[in-house]
PDB file of N, CA and C in Angstrom:
ATOM      1  N   UNK A   1       3.033  -8.062 -14.495  1.00  0.00           N
ATOM      2  CA  UNK A   1       3.353  -6.721 -14.667  1.00  0.00           C
ATOM      3  C   UNK A   1       3.822  -6.064 -13.356  1.00  0.00           C
ATOM      4  N   UNK A   2       4.690  -5.156 -13.388  1.00  0.00           N
ATOM      5  CA  UNK A   2       5.381  -4.544 -12.264  1.00  0.00           C
ATOM      6  C   UNK A   2       5.242  -3.002 -12.178  1.00  0.00           C
ATOM      7  N   UNK A   3       5.409  -2.546 -11.014  1.00  0.00           N
ATOM      8  CA  UNK A   3       5.553  -1.134 -10.759  1.00  0.00           C
ATOM      9  C   UNK A   3       6.846  -0.864  -9.951  1.00  0.00           C
ATOM     10  N   UNK A   4       7.526   0.040 -10.233  1.00  0.00           N
ATOM     11  CA  UNK A   4       8.766   0.469  -9.534  1.00  0.00           C
ATOM     12  C   UNK A   4       8.425   1.646  -8.644  1.00  0.00           C
ATOM     13  N   UNK A   5       8.663   1.710  -7.411  1.00  0.00           N
ATOM     14  CA  UNK A   5       8.501   2.753  -6.536  1.00  0.00           C
ATOM     15  C   UNK A   5       9.707   3.787  -6.531  1.00  0.00           C
ATOM     16  N   UNK A   6       9.514   4.983  -7.047  1.00  0.00           N
ATOM     17  CA  UNK A   6      10.545   5.890  -7.215  1.00  0.00           C
ATOM     18  C   UNK A   6      10.572   7.071  -6.482  1.00  0.00           C
ATOM     19  N   UNK A   7       9.661   7.234  -5.519  1.00  0.00           N
ATOM     20  CA  UNK A   7       9.546   8.224  -4.620  1.00  0.00           C
ATOM     21  C   UNK A   7       8.896   7.880  -3.194  1.00  0.00           C
ATOM     22  N   UNK A   8       9.039   8.444  -2.118  1.00  0.00           N
ATOM     23  CA  UNK A   8       8.472   8.169  -0.823  1.00  0.00           C
ATOM     24  C   UNK A   8       6.915   8.256  -1.090  1.00  0.00           C
ATOM     25  N   UNK A   9       6.087   7.022  -0.730  1.00  0.00           N
ATOM     26  CA  UNK A   9       4.718   7.209  -0.707  1.00  0.00           C
ATOM     27  C   UNK A   9       4.223   7.857   0.470  1.00  0.00           C
ATOM     28  N   UNK A  10       3.080   8.475   0.328  1.00  0.00           N
ATOM     29  CA  UNK A  10       2.352   8.977   1.421  1.00  0.00           C
ATOM     30  C   UNK A  10       1.852   7.878   2.391  1.00  0.00           C
ATOM     31  N   UNK A  11       1.528   8.170   3.510  1.00  0.00           N
ATOM     32  CA  UNK A  11       0.995   7.154   4.361  1.00  0.00           C
ATOM     33  C   UNK A  11       1.183   7.275   5.746  1.00  0.00           C
ATOM     34  N   UNK A  12       0.486   6.467   6.606  1.00  0.00           N
ATOM     35  CA  UNK A  12       0.832   6.481   7.981  1.00  0.00           C
ATOM     36  C   UNK A  12       2.063   5.835   8.571  1.00  0.00           C
ATOM     37  N   UNK A  13       2.745   5.291   7.795  1.00  0.00           N
ATOM     38  CA  UNK A  13       3.991   4.526   8.281  1.00  0.00           C
ATOM     39  C   UNK A  13       5.166   5.657   8.482  1.00  0.00           C
ATOM     40  N   UNK A  14       6.047   5.407   9.310  1.00  0.00           N
ATOM     41  CA  UNK A  14       7.001   6.442   9.516  1.00  0.00           C
ATOM     42  C   UNK A  14       7.753   6.627   8.302  1.00  0.00           C
ATOM     43  N   UNK A  15       8.428   7.783   8.095  1.00  0.00           N
ATOM     44  CA  UNK A  15       9.066   8.038   6.917  1.00  0.00           C
ATOM     45  C   UNK A  15      10.286   7.016   6.448  1.00  0.00           C
ATOM     46  N   UNK A  16      10.798   6.443   7.464  1.00  0.00           N
ATOM     47  CA  UNK A  16      11.913   5.509   7.131  1.00  0.00           C
ATOM     48  C   UNK A  16      11.399   4.170   6.660  1.00  0.00           C
ATOM     49  N   UNK A  17      10.122   3.781   7.105  1.00  0.00           N
ATOM     50  CA  UNK A  17       9.478   2.664   6.420  1.00  0.00           C
ATOM     51  C   UNK A  17       8.990   2.918   5.077  1.00  0.00           C
ATOM     52  N   UNK A  18       8.340   4.188   4.843  1.00  0.00           N
ATOM     53  CA  UNK A  18       7.967   4.667   3.426  1.00  0.00           C
ATOM     54  C   UNK A  18       9.168   4.637   2.526  1.00  0.00           C
ATOM     55  N   UNK A  19      10.270   5.194   3.040  1.00  0.00           N
ATOM     56  CA  UNK A  19      11.472   5.280   2.110  1.00  0.00           C
ATOM     57  C   UNK A  19      12.007   3.936   1.846  1.00  0.00           C
ATOM     58  N   UNK A  20      11.799   2.862   2.495  1.00  0.00           N
ATOM     59  CA  UNK A  20      12.280   1.519   2.246  1.00  0.00           C
ATOM     60  C   UNK A  20      11.543   0.966   0.926  1.00  0.00           C
ATOM     61  N   UNK A  21      10.467   1.495   0.484  1.00  0.00           N
ATOM     62  CA  UNK A  21       9.731   1.139  -0.704  1.00  0.00           C
ATOM     63  C   UNK A  21      10.508   1.578  -1.981  1.00  0.00           C
ATOM     64  N   UNK A  22      11.350   2.664  -1.787  1.00  0.00           N
ATOM     65  CA  UNK A  22      11.894   3.286  -3.051  1.00  0.00           C
ATOM     66  C   UNK A  22      12.849   2.214  -3.530  1.00  0.00           C
ATOM     67  N   UNK A  23      12.704   2.012  -4.992  1.00  0.00           N
ATOM     68  CA  UNK A  23      13.551   1.284  -5.656  1.00  0.00           C
ATOM     69  C   UNK A  23      13.011  -0.203  -5.838  1.00  0.00           C
ATOM     70  N   UNK A  24      12.008  -0.564  -5.061  1.00  0.00           N
ATOM     71  CA  UNK A  24      11.358  -1.836  -5.248  1.00  0.00           C
ATOM     72  C   UNK A  24      10.549  -2.079  -6.292  1.00  0.00           C
ATOM     73  N   UNK A  25      10.632  -3.319  -6.996  1.00  0.00           N
ATOM     74  CA  UNK A  25       9.545  -3.624  -8.097  1.00  0.00           C
ATOM     75  C   UNK A  25       8.594  -4.496  -7.421  1.00  0.00           C
ATOM     76  N   UNK A  26       7.216  -3.999  -7.663  1.00  0.00           N
ATOM     77  CA  UNK A  26       6.230  -4.763  -7.018  1.00  0.00           C
ATOM     78  C   UNK A  26       5.309  -5.312  -7.870  1.00  0.00           C
ATOM     79  N   UNK A  27       4.821  -6.641  -7.938  1.00  0.00           N
ATOM     80  CA  UNK A  27       3.813  -6.986  -8.971  1.00  0.00           C
ATOM     81  C   UNK A  27       2.444  -6.333  -8.745  1.00  0.00           C
ATOM     82  N   UNK A  28       1.893  -5.978  -9.871  1.00  0.00           N
ATOM     83  CA  UNK A  28       0.644  -5.297  -9.848  1.00  0.00           C
ATOM     84  C   UNK A  28      -0.515  -6.293  -9.552  1.00  0.00           C
ATOM     85  N   UNK A  29      -1.518  -5.654  -8.885  1.00  0.00           N
ATOM     86  CA  UNK A  29      -2.801  -6.431  -8.672  1.00  0.00           C
ATOM     87  C   UNK A  29      -3.765  -6.169 -10.023  1.00  0.00           C
ATOM     88  N   UNK A  30      -3.501  -4.909 -10.579  1.00  0.00           N
ATOM     89  CA  UNK A  30      -4.231  -4.597 -11.885  1.00  0.00           C
ATOM     90  C   UNK A  30      -3.239  -3.686 -12.602  1.00  0.00           C
ATOM     91  N   UNK A  31      -3.116  -3.846 -13.958  1.00  0.00           N
ATOM     92  CA  UNK A  31      -2.161  -3.139 -14.649  1.00  0.00           C
ATOM     93  C   UNK A  31      -2.479  -1.606 -14.937  1.00  0.00           C
ATOM     94  N   UNK A  32      -3.605  -1.278 -14.646  1.00  0.00           N
ATOM     95  CA  UNK A  32      -3.999   0.279 -14.797  1.00  0.00           C
ATOM     96  C   UNK A  32      -4.285   0.897 -13.606  1.00  0.00           C
ATOM     97  N   UNK A  33      -3.933   2.246 -13.472  1.00  0.00           N
ATOM     98  CA  UNK A  33      -4.105   2.995 -12.166  1.00  0.00           C
ATOM     99  C   UNK A  33      -5.613   3.077 -12.011  1.00  0.00           C
ATOM    100  N   UNK A  34      -6.184   3.127 -10.757  1.00  0.00           N
ATOM    101  CA  UNK A  34      -7.461   3.330 -10.509  1.00  0.00           C
ATOM    102  C   UNK A  34      -7.652   4.505  -9.438  1.00  0.00           C
ATOM    103  N   UNK A  35      -8.862   5.031  -9.429  1.00  0.00           N
ATOM    104  CA  UNK A  35      -9.149   6.077  -8.458  1.00  0.00           C
ATOM    105  C   UNK A  35     -10.145   5.434  -7.374  1.00  0.00           C
ATOM    106  N   UNK A  36      -9.814   5.498  -6.110  1.00  0.00           N
ATOM    107  CA  UNK A  36     -10.566   4.857  -5.197  1.00  0.00           C
ATOM    108  C   UNK A  36     -10.573   5.465  -3.985  1.00  0.00           C
ATOM    109  N   UNK A  37     -11.526   5.243  -3.111  1.00  0.00           N
ATOM    110  CA  UNK A  37     -11.418   5.702  -1.678  1.00  0.00           C
ATOM    111  C   UNK A  37     -10.593   4.878  -0.839  1.00  0.00           C
ATOM    112  N   UNK A  38      -9.785   5.485  -0.064  1.00  0.00           N
ATOM    113  CA  UNK A  38      -8.631   4.812   0.603  1.00  0.00           C
ATOM    114  C   UNK A  38      -8.663   5.086   2.108  1.00  0.00           C
ATOM    115  N   UNK A  39      -8.125   4.463   3.129  1.00  0.00           N
ATOM    116  CA  UNK A  39      -8.132   4.520   4.426  1.00  0.00           C
ATOM    117  C   UNK A  39      -6.659   4.185   4.902  1.00  0.00           C
ATOM    118  N   UNK A  40      -6.144   4.736   5.962  1.00  0.00           N
ATOM    119  CA  UNK A  40      -4.970   4.455   6.652  1.00  0.00           C
ATOM    120  C   UNK A  40      -4.767   3.018   7.148  1.00  0.00           C
ATOM    121  N   UNK A  41      -3.564   2.460   6.940  1.00  0.00           N
ATOM    122  CA  UNK A  41      -3.231   1.163   7.360  1.00  0.00           C
ATOM    123  C   UNK A  41      -3.354   1.106   9.058  1.00  0.00           C
ATOM    124  N   UNK A  42      -3.186   2.267   9.664  1.00  0.00           N
ATOM    125  CA  UNK A  42      -3.156   2.091  11.029  1.00  0.00           C
ATOM    126  C   UNK A  42      -4.465   2.651  11.539  1.00  0.00           C
ATOM    127  N   UNK A  43      -4.993   3.774  11.032  1.00  0.00           N
ATOM    128  CA  UNK A  43      -6.357   4.332  11.635  1.00  0.00           C
ATOM    129  C   UNK A  43      -7.457   3.926  10.756  1.00  0.00           C
ATOM    130  N   UNK A  44      -7.181   3.087   9.814  1.00  0.00           N
ATOM    131  CA  UNK A  44      -8.469   2.818   9.049  1.00  0.00           C
ATOM    132  C   UNK A  44      -9.234   1.661   9.634  1.00  0.00           C
ATOM    133  N   UNK A  45     -10.318   1.281   9.096  1.00  0.00           N
ATOM    134  CA  UNK A  45     -11.125   0.214   9.590  1.00  0.00           C
ATOM    135  C   UNK A  45     -10.641  -0.968   9.057  1.00  0.00           C
ATOM    136  N   UNK A  46     -10.824  -2.174   9.782  1.00  0.00           N
ATOM    137  CA  UNK A  46     -10.372  -3.456   9.471  1.00  0.00           C
ATOM    138  C   UNK A  46     -11.560  -4.366   8.633  1.00  0.00           C
ATOM    139  N   UNK A  47     -12.695  -3.755   8.640  1.00  0.00           N
ATOM    140  CA  UNK A  47     -13.764  -4.360   7.967  1.00  0.00           C
ATOM    141  C   UNK A  47     -14.564  -3.617   6.942  1.00  0.00           C
ATOM    142  N   UNK A  48     -15.136  -4.049   5.986  1.00  0.00           N
ATOM    143  CA  UNK A  48     -15.846  -3.308   4.939  1.00  0.00           C
ATOM    144  C   UNK A  48     -17.182  -2.654   5.854  1.00  0.00           C
ATOM    145  N   UNK A  49     -17.724  -3.205   6.759  1.00  0.00           N
ATOM    146  CA  UNK A  49     -18.764  -2.472   7.421  1.00  0.00           C
ATOM    147  C   UNK A  49     -18.179  -1.302   8.156  1.00  0.00           C
ATOM    148  N   UNK A  50     -17.028  -1.574   8.813  1.00  0.00           N
ATOM    149  CA  UNK A  50     -16.548  -0.415   9.578  1.00  0.00           C
ATOM    150  C   UNK A  50     -16.061   0.616   8.735  1.00  0.00           C
ATOM    151  N   UNK A  51     -15.682   0.373   7.582  1.00  0.00           N
ATOM    152  CA  UNK A  51     -15.271   1.377   6.589  1.00  0.00           C
ATOM    153  C   UNK A  51     -16.504   2.079   6.078  1.00  0.00           C
ATOM    154  N   UNK A  52     -17.603   1.412   5.937  1.00  0.00           N
ATOM    155  CA  UNK A  52     -18.872   2.039   5.444  1.00  0.00           C
ATOM    156  C   UNK A  52     -19.200   3.040   6.560  1.00  0.00           C
ATOM    157  N   UNK A  53     -19.330   2.401   7.800  1.00  0.00           N
ATOM    158  CA  UNK A  53     -19.781   3.292   8.832  1.00  0.00           C
ATOM    159  C   UNK A  53     -18.931   4.598   9.139  1.00  0.00           C
ATOM    160  N   UNK A  54     -17.668   4.288   8.983  1.00  0.00           N
ATOM    161  CA  UNK A  54     -16.619   5.469   9.131  1.00  0.00           C
ATOM    162  C   UNK A  54     -16.994   6.473   8.167  1.00  0.00           C
ATOM    163  N   UNK A  55     -17.250   6.027   6.938  1.00  0.00           N
ATOM    164  CA  UNK A  55     -17.567   6.958   5.731  1.00  0.00           C
ATOM    165  C   UNK A  55     -18.872   7.886   5.957  1.00  0.00           C
ATOM    166  N   UNK A  56     -19.566   7.430   6.872  1.00  0.00           N
ATOM    167  CA  UNK A  56     -20.819   8.134   6.996  1.00  0.00           C
ATOM    168  C   UNK A  56     -20.581   9.313   7.908  1.00  0.00           C
ATOM    169  N   UNK A  57     -19.556   9.234   8.683  1.00  0.00           N
ATOM    170  CA  UNK A  57     -19.202  10.484   9.623  1.00  0.00           C
ATOM    171  C   UNK A  57     -18.052  11.200   9.311  1.00  0.00           C
ATOM    172  N   UNK A  58     -17.207  10.621   8.445  1.00  0.00           N
ATOM    173  CA  UNK A  58     -15.974  11.282   7.909  1.00  0.00           C
ATOM    174  C   UNK A  58     -15.738  11.019   6.401  1.00  0.00           C
ATOM    175  N   UNK A  59     -15.480  12.041   5.659  1.00  0.00           N
ATOM    176  CA  UNK A  59     -15.196  11.783   4.174  1.00  0.00           C
ATOM    177  C   UNK A  59     -13.981  11.084   3.983  1.00  0.00           C
ATOM    178  N   UNK A  60     -14.093  10.008   3.336  1.00  0.00           N
ATOM    179  CA  UNK A  60     -12.886   9.211   3.070  1.00  0.00           C
ATOM    180  C   UNK A  60     -11.952   9.963   2.088  1.00  0.00           C
ATOM    181  N   UNK A  61     -10.771   9.699   2.034  1.00  0.00           N
ATOM    182  CA  UNK A  61      -9.699  10.281   1.164  1.00  0.00           C
ATOM    183  C   UNK A  61      -9.872   9.480  -0.136  1.00  0.00           C
ATOM    184  N   UNK A  62      -9.684  10.159  -1.293  1.00  0.00           N
ATOM    185  CA  UNK A  62      -9.734   9.517  -2.634  1.00  0.00           C
ATOM    186  C   UNK A  62      -8.214   9.730  -3.288  1.00  0.00           C
ATOM    187  N   UNK A  63      -7.753   8.604  -3.796  1.00  0.00           N
ATOM    188  CA  UNK A  63      -6.489   8.528  -4.367  1.00  0.00           C
ATOM    189  C   UNK A  63      -6.472   7.822  -5.627  1.00  0.00           C
ATOM    190  N   UNK A  64      -5.525   8.130  -6.652  1.00  0.00           N
ATOM    191  CA  UNK A  64      -5.313   7.555  -7.858  1.00  0.00           C
ATOM    192  C   UNK A  64      -3.976   6.948  -7.732  1.00  0.00           C
ATOM    193  N   UNK A  65      -3.984   5.616  -8.085  1.00  0.00           N
ATOM    194  CA  UNK A  65      -2.721   4.850  -7.944  1.00  0.00           C
ATOM    195  C   UNK A  65      -2.850   3.276  -8.451  1.00  0.00           C
ATOM    196  N   UNK A  66      -1.820   2.578  -8.082  1.00  0.00           N
ATOM    197  CA  UNK A  66      -1.804   1.210  -8.515  1.00  0.00           C
ATOM    198  C   UNK A  66      -1.949   0.375  -7.216  1.00  0.00           C
ATOM    199  N   UNK A  67      -2.684  -0.787  -7.448  1.00  0.00           N
ATOM    200  CA  UNK A  67      -2.864  -1.632  -6.347  1.00  0.00           C
ATOM    201  C   UNK A  67      -1.882  -2.801  -6.436  1.00  0.00           C
ATOM    202  N   UNK A  68      -1.243  -3.124  -5.266  1.00  0.00           N
ATOM    203  CA  UNK A  68      -0.520  -4.307  -5.168  1.00  0.00           C
ATOM    204  C   UNK A  68      -1.023  -5.212  -4.027  1.00  0.00           C
ATOM    205  N   UNK A  69      -0.748  -6.610  -4.087  1.00  0.00           N
ATOM    206  CA  UNK A  69      -1.098  -7.320  -3.038  1.00  0.00           C
ATOM    207  C   UNK A  69      -0.247  -7.043  -1.912  1.00  0.00           C
ATOM    208  N   UNK A  70      -0.930  -6.766  -0.633  1.00  0.00           N
ATOM    209  CA  UNK A  70      -0.181  -6.355   0.373  1.00  0.00           C
ATOM    210  C   UNK A  70       0.882  -7.409   1.004  1.00  0.00           C
ATOM    211  N   UNK A  71       0.333  -8.690   1.080  1.00  0.00           N
ATOM    212  CA  UNK A  71       1.250  -9.481   1.651  1.00  0.00           C
ATOM    213  C   UNK A  71       2.547  -9.867   0.727  1.00  0.00           C
ATOM    214  N   UNK A  72       2.429  -9.952  -0.610  1.00  0.00           N
ATOM    215  CA  UNK A  72       3.530 -10.116  -1.380  1.00  0.00           C
ATOM    216  C   UNK A  72       4.294  -8.977  -1.437  1.00  0.00           C
ATOM    217  N   UNK A  73       3.824  -7.771  -1.319  1.00  0.00           N
ATOM    218  CA  UNK A  73       4.719  -6.629  -1.346  1.00  0.00           C
ATOM    219  C   UNK A  73       5.493  -6.384  -0.074  1.00  0.00           C
ATOM    220  N   UNK A  74       4.874  -6.689   0.958  1.00  0.00           N
ATOM    221  CA  UNK A  74       5.646  -6.799   2.290  1.00  0.00           C
ATOM    222  C   UNK A  74       6.635  -7.853   2.321  1.00  0.00           C
ATOM    223  N   UNK A  75       6.453  -9.015   1.714  1.00  0.00           N
ATOM    224  CA  UNK A  75       7.505 -10.071   1.614  1.00  0.00           C
ATOM    225  C   UNK A  75       8.646  -9.457   0.708  1.00  0.00           C
ATOM    226  N   UNK A  76       8.537  -8.811  -0.363  1.00  0.00           N
ATOM    227  CA  UNK A  76       9.606  -8.319  -1.060  1.00  0.00           C
ATOM    228  C   UNK A  76      10.194  -7.250  -0.402  1.00  0.00           C
ATOM    229  N   UNK A  77       9.522  -6.372   0.279  1.00  0.00           N
ATOM    230  CA  UNK A  77      10.246  -5.353   1.278  1.00  0.00           C
ATOM    231  C   UNK A  77      11.092  -6.058   2.336  1.00  0.00           C
ATOM    232  N   UNK A  78      10.561  -7.317   2.917  1.00  0.00           N
ATOM    233  CA  UNK A  78      11.353  -8.007   3.836  1.00  0.00           C
ATOM    234  C   UNK A  78      12.772  -8.406   3.327  1.00  0.00           C
ATOM    235  N   UNK A  79      12.840  -8.637   2.053  1.00  0.00           N
ATOM    236  CA  UNK A  79      14.076  -9.156   1.447  1.00  0.00           C
ATOM    237  C   UNK A  79      15.068  -8.062   1.303  1.00  0.00           C
ATOM    238  N   UNK A  80      14.500  -6.738   1.454  1.00  0.00           N
ATOM    239  CA  UNK A  80      15.591  -5.599   1.332  1.00  0.00           C
ATOM    240  C   UNK A  80      15.695  -4.832   2.641  1.00  0.00           C
ATOM    241  N   UNK A  81      14.594  -4.860   3.428  1.00  0.00           N
ATOM    242  CA  UNK A  81      14.695  -4.112   4.657  1.00  0.00           C
ATOM    243  C   UNK A  81      13.688  -4.791   5.688  1.00  0.00           C
ATOM    244  N   UNK A  82      14.332  -5.644   6.583  1.00  0.00           N
ATOM    245  CA  UNK A  82      13.669  -6.492   7.407  1.00  0.00           C
ATOM    246  C   UNK A  82      13.068  -5.678   8.475  1.00  0.00           C
ATOM    247  N   UNK A  83      13.617  -4.512   8.844  1.00  0.00           N
ATOM    248  CA  UNK A  83      13.034  -3.705  10.004  1.00  0.00           C
ATOM    249  C   UNK A  83      11.855  -2.935   9.334  1.00  0.00           C
ATOM    250  N   UNK A  84      11.733  -2.527   8.152  1.00  0.00           N
ATOM    251  CA  UNK A  84      10.663  -1.976   7.655  1.00  0.00           C
ATOM    252  C   UNK A  84       9.536  -2.930   7.474  1.00  0.00           C
ATOM    253  N   UNK A  85       9.760  -4.132   7.047  1.00  0.00           N
ATOM    254  CA  UNK A  85       8.760  -5.292   7.158  1.00  0.00           C
ATOM    255  C   UNK A  85       8.185  -5.497   8.304  1.00  0.00           C
ATOM    256  N   UNK A  86       9.171  -5.444   9.302  1.00  0.00           N
ATOM    257  CA  UNK A  86       8.662  -5.774  10.636  1.00  0.00           C
ATOM    258  C   UNK A  86       7.636  -4.794  11.287  1.00  0.00           C
ATOM    259  N   UNK A  87       7.861  -3.469  10.813  1.00  0.00           N
ATOM    260  CA  UNK A  87       6.919  -2.303  11.171  1.00  0.00           C
ATOM    261  C   UNK A  87       5.499  -2.802  10.752  1.00  0.00           C
ATOM    262  N   UNK A  88       5.351  -3.288   9.494  1.00  0.00           N
ATOM    263  CA  UNK A  88       4.156  -3.744   8.887  1.00  0.00           C
ATOM    264  C   UNK A  88       3.583  -4.898   9.782  1.00  0.00           C
ATOM    265  N   UNK A  89       4.292  -5.817  10.021  1.00  0.00           N
ATOM    266  CA  UNK A  89       3.820  -6.964  10.855  1.00  0.00           C
ATOM    267  C   UNK A  89       3.498  -6.621  12.287  1.00  0.00           C
ATOM    268  N   UNK A  90       4.128  -5.602  12.894  1.00  0.00           N
ATOM    269  CA  UNK A  90       3.789  -5.077  14.247  1.00  0.00           C
ATOM    270  C   UNK A  90       2.690  -4.031  14.210  1.00  0.00           C
ATOM    271  N   UNK A  91       2.475  -3.174  13.370  1.00  0.00           N
ATOM    272  CA  UNK A  91       1.518  -2.119  13.273  1.00  0.00           C
ATOM    273  C   UNK A  91       0.307  -2.357  12.506  1.00  0.00           C
ATOM    274  N   UNK A  92       0.369  -3.151  11.290  1.00  0.00           N
ATOM    275  CA  UNK A  92      -0.678  -3.208  10.522  1.00  0.00           C
ATOM    276  C   UNK A  92      -0.659  -4.799  10.142  1.00  0.00           C
ATOM    277  N   UNK A  93      -0.794  -5.730  10.916  1.00  0.00           N
ATOM    278  CA  UNK A  93      -0.830  -7.101  10.664  1.00  0.00           C
ATOM    279  C   UNK A  93      -1.946  -7.478   9.793  1.00  0.00           C
ATOM    280  N   UNK A  94      -3.096  -6.859   9.773  1.00  0.00           N
ATOM    281  CA  UNK A  94      -4.194  -7.168   9.009  1.00  0.00           C
ATOM    282  C   UNK A  94      -3.868  -7.019   7.491  1.00  0.00           C
ATOM    283  N   UNK A  95      -2.671  -6.097   7.269  1.00  0.00           N
ATOM    284  CA  UNK A  95      -2.334  -6.012   5.774  1.00  0.00           C
ATOM    285  C   UNK A  95      -1.803  -7.255   5.387  1.00  0.00           C
ATOM    286  N   UNK A  96      -1.415  -8.171   6.048  1.00  0.00           N
ATOM    287  CA  UNK A  96      -0.841  -9.519   5.590  1.00  0.00           C
ATOM    288  C   UNK A  96      -1.840 -10.498   5.266  1.00  0.00           C
ATOM    289  N   UNK A  97      -3.149 -10.314   5.587  1.00  0.00           N
ATOM    290  CA  UNK A  97      -4.220 -11.202   5.376  1.00  0.00           C
ATOM    291  C   UNK A  97      -4.590 -11.400   3.792  1.00  0.00           C
ATOM    292  N   UNK A  98      -4.849 -12.535   3.478  1.00  0.00           N
ATOM    293  CA  UNK A  98      -5.169 -12.790   2.041  1.00  0.00           C
ATOM    294  C   UNK A  98      -6.244 -11.790   1.498  1.00  0.00           C
ATOM    295  N   UNK A  99      -6.028 -11.344   0.258  1.00  0.00           N
ATOM    296  CA  UNK A  99      -6.877 -10.446  -0.326  1.00  0.00           C
ATOM    297  C   UNK A  99      -6.781  -8.996  -0.097  1.00  0.00           C
ATOM    298  N   UNK A 100      -5.875  -8.586   0.886  1.00  0.00           N
ATOM    299  CA  UNK A 100      -5.673  -7.210   1.222  1.00  0.00           C
ATOM    300  C   UNK A 100      -4.712  -6.518   0.235  1.00  0.00           C
ATOM    301  N   UNK A 101      -4.936  -5.329  -0.098  1.00  0.00           N
ATOM    302  CA  UNK A 101      -4.037  -4.650  -1.070  1.00  0.00           C
ATOM    303  C   UNK A 101      -3.542  -3.259  -0.440  1.00  0.00           C
ATOM    304  N   UNK A 102      -2.453  -2.782  -1.173  1.00  0.00           N
ATOM    305  CA  UNK A 102      -1.893  -1.534  -0.638  1.00  0.00           C
ATOM    306  C   UNK A 102      -1.910  -0.637  -2.057  1.00  0.00           C
ATOM    307  N   UNK A 103      -2.176   0.549  -1.938  1.00  0.00           N
ATOM    308  CA  UNK A 103      -2.257   1.441  -3.082  1.00  0.00           C
ATOM    309  C   UNK A 103      -1.114   2.463  -3.091  1.00  0.00           C
ATOM    310  N   UNK A 104      -0.383   2.519  -4.085  1.00  0.00           N
ATOM    311  CA  UNK A 104       0.712   3.467  -4.260  1.00  0.00           C
ATOM    312  C   UNK A 104       0.426   4.472  -5.447  1.00  0.00           C
ATOM    313  N   UNK A 105       0.332   5.631  -4.892  1.00  0.00           N
ATOM    314  CA  UNK A 105      -0.117   6.825  -5.786  1.00  0.00           C
ATOM    315  C   UNK A 105       0.697   6.802  -7.095  1.00  0.00           C
ATOM    316  N   UNK A 106       0.007   7.289  -8.158  1.00  0.00           N
ATOM    317  CA  UNK A 106       0.635   7.195  -9.479  1.00  0.00           C
ATOM    318  C   UNK A 106       2.064   8.124  -9.457  1.00  0.00           C
ATOM    319  N   UNK A 107       1.999   9.184  -8.737  1.00  0.00           N
ATOM    320  CA  UNK A 107       3.137  10.099  -8.871  1.00  0.00           C
ATOM    321  C   UNK A 107       4.384   9.444  -8.113  1.00  0.00           C
ATOM    322  N   UNK A 108       4.297   8.385  -7.281  1.00  0.00           N
ATOM    323  CA  UNK A 108       5.476   7.704  -6.647  1.00  0.00           C
ATOM    324  C   UNK A 108       5.831   6.563  -7.337  1.00  0.00           C
ATOM    325  N   UNK A 109       5.230   6.166  -8.582  1.00  0.00           N
ATOM    326  CA  UNK A 109       5.496   4.984  -9.214  1.00  0.00           C
ATOM    327  C   UNK A 109       6.142   5.332 -10.804  1.00  0.00           C
ATOM    328  N   UNK A 110       6.945   4.592 -11.014  1.00  0.00           N
ATOM    329  CA  UNK A 110       7.584   4.688 -12.386  1.00  0.00           C
ATOM    330  C   UNK A 110       6.753   4.033 -13.361  1.00  0.00           C
ATOM    331  N   UNK A 111       7.064   3.791 -14.666  1.00  0.00           N
ATOM    332  CA  UNK A 111       6.387   3.215 -15.715  1.00  0.00           C
ATOM    333  C   UNK A 111       6.000   1.658 -15.337  1.00  0.00           C
ATOM    334  N   UNK A 112       4.917   1.268 -15.803  1.00  0.00           N
ATOM    335  CA  UNK A 112       4.565  -0.032 -15.686  1.00  0.00           C
ATOM    336  C   UNK A 112       5.550  -0.903 -16.485  1.00  0.00           C
ATOM    337  N   UNK A 113       6.076  -1.975 -15.840  1.00  0.00           N
ATOM    338  CA  UNK A 113       7.013  -2.876 -16.500  1.00  0.00           C
ATOM    339  C   UNK A 113       6.401  -4.168 -16.752  1.00  0.00           C
ATOM    340  N   UNK A 114       6.622  -4.731 -17.960  1.00  0.00           N
ATOM    341  CA  UNK A 114       6.197  -6.170 -18.274  1.00  0.00           C
ATOM    342  C   UNK A 114       7.168  -7.142 -17.638  1.00  0.00           C
ATOM    343  N   UNK A 115       6.765  -8.329 -17.048  1.00  0.00           N
ATOM    344  CA  UNK A 115       7.627  -9.209 -16.847  1.00  0.00           C
ATOM    345  C   UNK A 115       8.658  -8.827 -15.927  1.00  0.00           C
TER     346      UNK A 115
END
């Protein structure tokens, strides 16, 4: 199942990088939207322990959206905009690690698409 990005997502990346997602179809990690605590790809913690400790002193942001595997999404982005993908490699390389996910808010996503 896939989701198409139809609007600029929120986030810490520059606008031109976030605009590069528009029009892309990304394979979903899970076919239903979820509500979860999220952190920035630049300012957020790199570990679960770090996220837990940061949450003790600062209220994490809650978001409802769709999860996609970060590495696969950035690879798709690279096929359409190498400069935007390079921003991710240079500024959020941890996003390319196995098991990492990105969340796109429901309001920036079109309908879920099968196959």
